[in-house]
Amino acid sequence: MIGSELIVTVGLFVISLLVAVYLIRYSNQQVASCLTTLEKQHNELVDLNGKLAKEILSMDKKIRSEIDVARSHLMTHKKKKASA
């Protein structure tokens, strides 16, 4: 009687260990898959951020040069008006 109870107990313990190992491996695979996807998306965002930063700097330089041109035209116009 005690022998059969021991066999059943050990059997259930082994089955529960197997289920736990399977679930842990499955969850690790899912986590690894999610991390890979997140890494790809992170890399895409870094690339887009770099492109956006370049575009912002380019537009900033363009706007500054346009402001400088407008300023020089205004100063030239003021000097002509003052001398007239």
N, C-alpha and C. Protein backbone atom coordinates (compact mmCIF):
# COMPACT_ATOMS: atom_id res chain seq x y z
N MET A 1 0.82 -1.19 0.00
CA MET A 1 0.00 0.00 0.00
C MET A 1 0.87 1.26 0.00
N ILE A 2 1.86 1.28 0.90
CA ILE A 2 2.73 2.45 0.98
C ILE A 2 3.55 2.58 -0.30
N GLY A 3 3.95 1.44 -0.88
CA GLY A 3 4.73 1.45 -2.11
C GLY A 3 3.95 2.06 -3.26
N SER A 4 2.67 1.72 -3.39
CA SER A 4 1.86 2.26 -4.49
C SER A 4 1.61 3.75 -4.28
N GLU A 5 1.41 4.18 -3.05
CA GLU A 5 1.23 5.61 -2.76
C GLU A 5 2.50 6.38 -3.10
N LEU A 6 3.65 5.79 -2.79
CA LEU A 6 4.93 6.43 -3.09
C LEU A 6 5.12 6.55 -4.60
N ILE A 7 4.77 5.51 -5.34
CA ILE A 7 4.90 5.53 -6.80
C ILE A 7 3.98 6.60 -7.39
N VAL A 8 2.75 6.68 -6.91
CA VAL A 8 1.81 7.69 -7.42
C VAL A 8 2.32 9.09 -7.09
N THR A 9 2.81 9.28 -5.88
CA THR A 9 3.31 10.59 -5.47
C THR A 9 4.51 11.00 -6.31
N VAL A 10 5.45 10.09 -6.47
CA VAL A 10 6.64 10.38 -7.27
C VAL A 10 6.24 10.62 -8.73
N GLY A 11 5.31 9.83 -9.24
CA GLY A 11 4.83 10.00 -10.61
C GLY A 11 4.21 11.37 -10.82
N LEU A 12 3.35 11.78 -9.89
CA LEU A 12 2.74 13.10 -10.01
C LEU A 12 3.77 14.21 -9.90
N PHE A 13 4.77 14.01 -9.04
CA PHE A 13 5.84 15.00 -8.90
C PHE A 13 6.63 15.13 -10.20
N VAL A 14 6.95 13.99 -10.81
CA VAL A 14 7.70 14.01 -12.08
C VAL A 14 6.87 14.67 -13.17
N ILE A 15 5.60 14.35 -13.24
CA ILE A 15 4.72 14.97 -14.25
C ILE A 15 4.64 16.47 -14.03
N SER A 16 4.50 16.91 -12.79
CA SER A 16 4.44 18.35 -12.52
C SER A 16 5.75 19.03 -12.87
N LEU A 17 6.89 18.35 -12.63
CA LEU A 17 8.19 18.90 -13.03
C LEU A 17 8.29 19.02 -14.55
N LEU A 18 7.82 18.01 -15.26
CA LEU A 18 7.85 18.06 -16.72
C LEU A 18 6.98 19.20 -17.25
N VAL A 19 5.82 19.37 -16.68
CA VAL A 19 4.94 20.46 -17.09
C VAL A 19 5.60 21.81 -16.79
N ALA A 20 6.20 21.92 -15.62
CA ALA A 20 6.87 23.18 -15.26
C ALA A 20 8.02 23.48 -16.21
N VAL A 21 8.83 22.48 -16.54
CA VAL A 21 9.95 22.67 -17.47
C VAL A 21 9.44 23.09 -18.84
N TYR A 22 8.38 22.42 -19.31
CA TYR A 22 7.80 22.78 -20.61
C TYR A 22 7.31 24.22 -20.60
N LEU A 23 6.59 24.61 -19.57
CA LEU A 23 6.06 25.97 -19.51
C LEU A 23 7.17 27.01 -19.42
N ILE A 24 8.21 26.70 -18.69
CA ILE A 24 9.34 27.63 -18.58
C ILE A 24 10.04 27.78 -19.92
N ARG A 25 10.28 26.67 -20.61
CA ARG A 25 10.92 26.74 -21.93
C ARG A 25 10.06 27.49 -22.92
N TYR A 26 8.75 27.23 -22.89
CA TYR A 26 7.84 27.92 -23.81
C TYR A 26 7.83 29.42 -23.52
N SER A 27 7.77 29.79 -22.26
CA SER A 27 7.74 31.21 -21.92
C SER A 27 9.07 31.87 -22.27
N ASN A 28 10.18 31.17 -22.12
CA ASN A 28 11.49 31.71 -22.51
C ASN A 28 11.54 31.94 -24.01
N GLN A 29 10.98 31.03 -24.78
CA GLN A 29 10.94 31.21 -26.24
C GLN A 29 10.10 32.43 -26.60
N GLN A 30 8.98 32.60 -25.92
CA GLN A 30 8.12 33.75 -26.19
C GLN A 30 8.83 35.05 -25.82
N VAL A 31 9.51 35.06 -24.70
CA VAL A 31 10.25 36.25 -24.28
C VAL A 31 11.36 36.56 -25.27
N ALA A 32 12.07 35.53 -25.72
CA ALA A 32 13.14 35.74 -26.70
C ALA A 32 12.58 36.30 -28.00
N SER A 33 11.44 35.80 -28.42
CA SER A 33 10.80 36.30 -29.64
C SER A 33 10.40 37.76 -29.47
N CYS A 34 9.83 38.09 -28.34
CA CYS A 34 9.43 39.48 -28.07
C CYS A 34 10.64 40.40 -28.03
N LEU A 35 11.72 39.93 -27.42
CA LEU A 35 12.93 40.75 -27.34
C LEU A 35 13.53 40.99 -28.72
N THR A 36 13.49 39.99 -29.57
CA THR A 36 13.99 40.14 -30.94
C THR A 36 13.16 41.17 -31.70
N THR A 37 11.85 41.08 -31.55
CA THR A 37 10.96 42.03 -32.22
C THR A 37 11.19 43.44 -31.68
N LEU A 38 11.32 43.56 -30.37
CA LEU A 38 11.57 44.87 -29.76
C LEU A 38 12.90 45.45 -30.23
N GLU A 39 13.91 44.60 -30.37
CA GLU A 39 15.21 45.07 -30.83
C GLU A 39 15.11 45.61 -32.26
N LYS A 40 14.38 44.89 -33.11
CA LYS A 40 14.20 45.36 -34.50
C LYS A 40 13.47 46.70 -34.52
N GLN A 41 12.41 46.80 -33.73
CA GLN A 41 11.65 48.05 -33.70
C GLN A 41 12.49 49.18 -33.11
N HIS A 42 13.30 48.87 -32.11
CA HIS A 42 14.18 49.88 -31.52
C HIS A 42 15.17 50.40 -32.57
N ASN A 43 15.75 49.48 -33.34
CA ASN A 43 16.69 49.87 -34.37
C ASN A 43 16.02 50.74 -35.43
N GLU A 44 14.78 50.41 -35.79
CA GLU A 44 14.04 51.23 -36.74
C GLU A 44 13.80 52.63 -36.18
N LEU A 45 13.44 52.69 -34.91
CA LEU A 45 13.20 53.99 -34.28
C LEU A 45 14.48 54.82 -34.20
N VAL A 46 15.59 54.16 -33.91
CA VAL A 46 16.87 54.88 -33.86
C VAL A 46 17.19 55.46 -35.24
N ASP A 47 16.98 54.66 -36.29
CA ASP A 47 17.22 55.14 -37.65
C ASP A 47 16.32 56.33 -37.98
N LEU A 48 15.04 56.19 -37.65
CA LEU A 48 14.10 57.28 -37.93
C LEU A 48 14.45 58.53 -37.13
N ASN A 49 14.88 58.34 -35.89
CA ASN A 49 15.26 59.47 -35.06
C ASN A 49 16.47 60.19 -35.65
N GLY A 50 17.43 59.42 -36.16
CA GLY A 50 18.60 60.02 -36.80
C GLY A 50 18.21 60.81 -38.04
N LYS A 51 17.32 60.24 -38.85
CA LYS A 51 16.86 60.94 -40.05
C LYS A 51 16.13 62.22 -39.68
N LEU A 52 15.30 62.14 -38.65
CA LEU A 52 14.56 63.32 -38.20
C LEU A 52 15.50 64.39 -37.69
N ALA A 53 16.50 64.00 -36.94
CA ALA A 53 17.47 64.98 -36.42
C ALA A 53 18.21 65.66 -37.56
N LYS A 54 18.61 64.89 -38.58
CA LYS A 54 19.29 65.48 -39.74
C LYS A 54 18.37 66.46 -40.46
N GLU A 55 17.10 66.07 -40.60
CA GLU A 55 16.13 66.94 -41.28
C GLU A 55 15.92 68.23 -40.49
N ILE A 56 15.83 68.11 -39.17
CA ILE A 56 15.65 69.30 -38.33
C ILE A 56 16.85 70.23 -38.45
N LEU A 57 18.06 69.66 -38.40
CA LEU A 57 19.26 70.49 -38.52
C LEU A 57 19.33 71.16 -39.89
N SER A 58 18.97 70.41 -40.91
CA SER A 58 18.98 70.97 -42.27
C SER A 58 17.99 72.13 -42.39
N MET A 59 16.78 71.91 -41.87
CA MET A 59 15.77 72.97 -41.92
C MET A 59 16.18 74.18 -41.07
N ASP A 60 16.82 73.92 -39.93
CA ASP A 60 17.29 75.00 -39.08
C ASP A 60 18.32 75.85 -39.81
N LYS A 61 19.28 75.19 -40.47
CA LYS A 61 20.28 75.94 -41.23
C LYS A 61 19.64 76.74 -42.35
N LYS A 62 18.68 76.15 -43.04
CA LYS A 62 18.00 76.83 -44.14
C LYS A 62 17.25 78.06 -43.62
N ILE A 63 16.52 77.89 -42.53
CA ILE A 63 15.74 79.00 -41.97
C ILE A 63 16.67 80.10 -41.49
N ARG A 64 17.78 79.72 -40.82
CA ARG A 64 18.74 80.73 -40.35
C ARG A 64 19.34 81.51 -41.51
N SER A 65 19.66 80.82 -42.59
CA SER A 65 20.23 81.52 -43.74
C SER A 65 19.19 82.45 -44.36
N GLU A 66 17.94 82.02 -44.42
CA GLU A 66 16.89 82.88 -44.95
C GLU A 66 16.67 84.10 -44.06
N ILE A 67 16.75 83.91 -42.76
CA ILE A 67 16.62 85.04 -41.83
C ILE A 67 17.79 86.00 -42.01
N ASP A 68 19.01 85.46 -42.17
CA ASP A 68 20.18 86.33 -42.38
C ASP A 68 20.04 87.13 -43.67
N VAL A 69 19.55 86.50 -44.74
CA VAL A 69 19.34 87.20 -46.01
C VAL A 69 18.30 88.30 -45.84
N ALA A 70 17.20 87.96 -45.15
CA ALA A 70 16.15 88.96 -44.94
C ALA A 70 16.68 90.12 -44.09
N ARG A 71 17.48 89.80 -43.08
CA ARG A 71 18.07 90.83 -42.23
C ARG A 71 18.99 91.76 -43.03
N SER A 72 19.81 91.17 -43.89
CA SER A 72 20.73 92.00 -44.68
C SER A 72 19.96 92.87 -45.66
N HIS A 73 18.87 92.33 -46.24
CA HIS A 73 18.04 93.15 -47.13
C HIS A 73 17.38 94.30 -46.36
N LEU A 74 16.94 94.00 -45.15
CA LEU A 74 16.31 95.04 -44.33
C LEU A 74 17.32 96.12 -43.96
N MET A 75 18.54 95.71 -43.60
CA MET A 75 19.57 96.68 -43.24
C MET A 75 19.94 97.54 -44.46
N THR A 76 20.04 96.89 -45.62
CA THR A 76 20.34 97.64 -46.85
C THR A 76 19.23 98.64 -47.16
N HIS A 77 17.99 98.20 -46.99
CA HIS A 77 16.85 99.08 -47.24
C HIS A 77 16.84 100.26 -46.25
N LYS A 78 17.15 99.99 -44.98
CA LYS A 78 17.19 101.07 -43.97
C LYS A 78 18.31 102.06 -44.29
N LYS A 79 19.47 101.57 -44.72
CA LYS A 79 20.58 102.47 -45.06
C LYS A 79 20.23 103.34 -46.26
N LYS A 80 19.58 102.76 -47.25
CA LYS A 80 19.18 103.55 -48.44
C LYS A 80 18.16 104.60 -48.05
N LYS A 81 17.24 104.23 -47.18
CA LYS A 81 16.20 105.15 -46.74
C LYS A 81 16.79 106.26 -45.91
N ALA A 82 17.77 105.94 -45.06
CA ALA A 82 18.40 106.94 -44.20
C ALA A 82 19.27 107.90 -45.02
N SER A 83 19.89 107.42 -46.07
CA SER A 83 20.75 108.29 -46.87
C SER A 83 19.93 109.14 -47.83
N ALA A 84 18.71 108.78 -48.08
CA ALA A 84 17.90 109.55 -49.03
C ALA A 84 17.25 110.74 -48.41
